[in-house]
Protein backbone atom coordinates (compact mmCIF):
# COMPACT_ATOMS: atom_id res chain seq x y z
CA MET A 1 11.25 21.10 -12.30
CA TRP A 2 9.64 17.73 -11.78
CA ASP A 3 10.65 14.26 -14.04
CA LYS A 4 7.41 13.09 -15.26
CA LYS A 5 8.57 9.55 -15.28
CA TRP A 6 8.99 9.21 -11.52
CA MET A 7 5.75 10.87 -10.73
CA LYS A 8 4.01 7.88 -10.58
CA VAL A 9 6.48 6.55 -8.00
CA LEU A 10 6.76 9.44 -6.04
CA GLY A 11 2.80 9.41 -5.44
CA ILE A 12 2.85 5.93 -4.25
CA ALA A 13 5.69 6.70 -2.18
CA MET A 14 4.29 9.58 -0.54
CA SER A 15 1.22 7.72 0.30
CA LEU A 16 2.57 4.62 1.67
CA PRO A 17 2.48 5.92 5.24
CA SER A 18 -1.17 7.00 5.25
CA THR A 19 -2.24 3.76 3.50
CA ILE A 20 -0.33 1.87 6.14
CA PHE A 21 -2.23 3.85 8.78
CA VAL A 22 -5.66 3.35 7.09
CA THR A 23 -5.25 -0.19 6.41
CA ALA A 24 -4.28 -1.11 9.62
CA TRP A 25 -6.79 0.99 11.33
CA GLY A 26 -9.55 -0.26 8.65
CA THR A 27 -8.61 -4.37 9.27
CA MET A 28 -8.84 -3.77 13.06
CA GLN A 29 -11.83 -2.47 13.00
CA LEU A 30 -13.26 -5.55 10.60
CA HIS A 31 -11.56 -7.74 13.16
CA GLU A 32 -13.39 -6.30 16.21
CA LYS A 33 -16.87 -6.53 14.66
CA LYS A 34 -16.18 -9.85 14.08
CA ILE A 35 -16.33 -9.43 9.89
CA LEU A 36 -12.68 -11.01 9.43
CA SER A 37 -10.91 -13.15 11.68
CA GLN A 38 -7.58 -11.90 13.03
CA VAL A 39 -5.41 -14.42 10.41
CA GLN A 40 -8.19 -12.44 7.60
CA ALA A 41 -7.33 -8.82 8.61
CA VAL A 42 -3.63 -9.52 8.96
CA LEU A 43 -3.27 -11.19 4.99
CA LEU A 44 -5.51 -8.00 3.69
CA PHE A 45 -2.93 -5.77 5.33
CA LEU A 46 -0.14 -7.30 4.06
CA ALA A 47 -1.53 -8.06 0.54
CA ILE A 48 -2.44 -4.25 0.35
CA ILE A 49 0.82 -3.27 1.72
CA ILE A 50 3.04 -5.50 -0.67
CA ASN A 51 1.19 -4.70 -3.42
CA MET A 52 1.61 -1.07 -3.36
CA ILE A 53 5.03 -1.43 -2.82
CA GLY A 54 5.30 -3.84 -5.83
CA MET A 55 3.52 -1.33 -7.63
CA MET A 56 6.37 0.87 -6.60
CA VAL A 57 9.28 -1.44 -7.80
CA TYR A 58 7.51 -2.12 -10.96
CA TYR A 59 7.22 1.55 -11.92
CA ALA A 60 10.53 2.80 -10.96
CA TYR A 61 11.92 -0.48 -13.03
CA LYS A 62 10.14 0.43 -16.01
CA ARG A 63 10.81 4.00 -15.88
CA LYS A 64 14.65 3.93 -15.03
CA ASN A 65 15.57 4.59 -18.46
């Protein structure tokens, strides 16, 4: 039923929306408490999201055959 070679990609893809929400909320909280500047918060958010998308592409490319 499930193709095992695509399970990592599917897992990352399904967790992406909640990760975006939690990362945005977390970086916003860190900015409001003056732990991070606005630029640092945005860069942290982008780094996490780009890393997840990169992992999806890497696993998909690695498992395509």
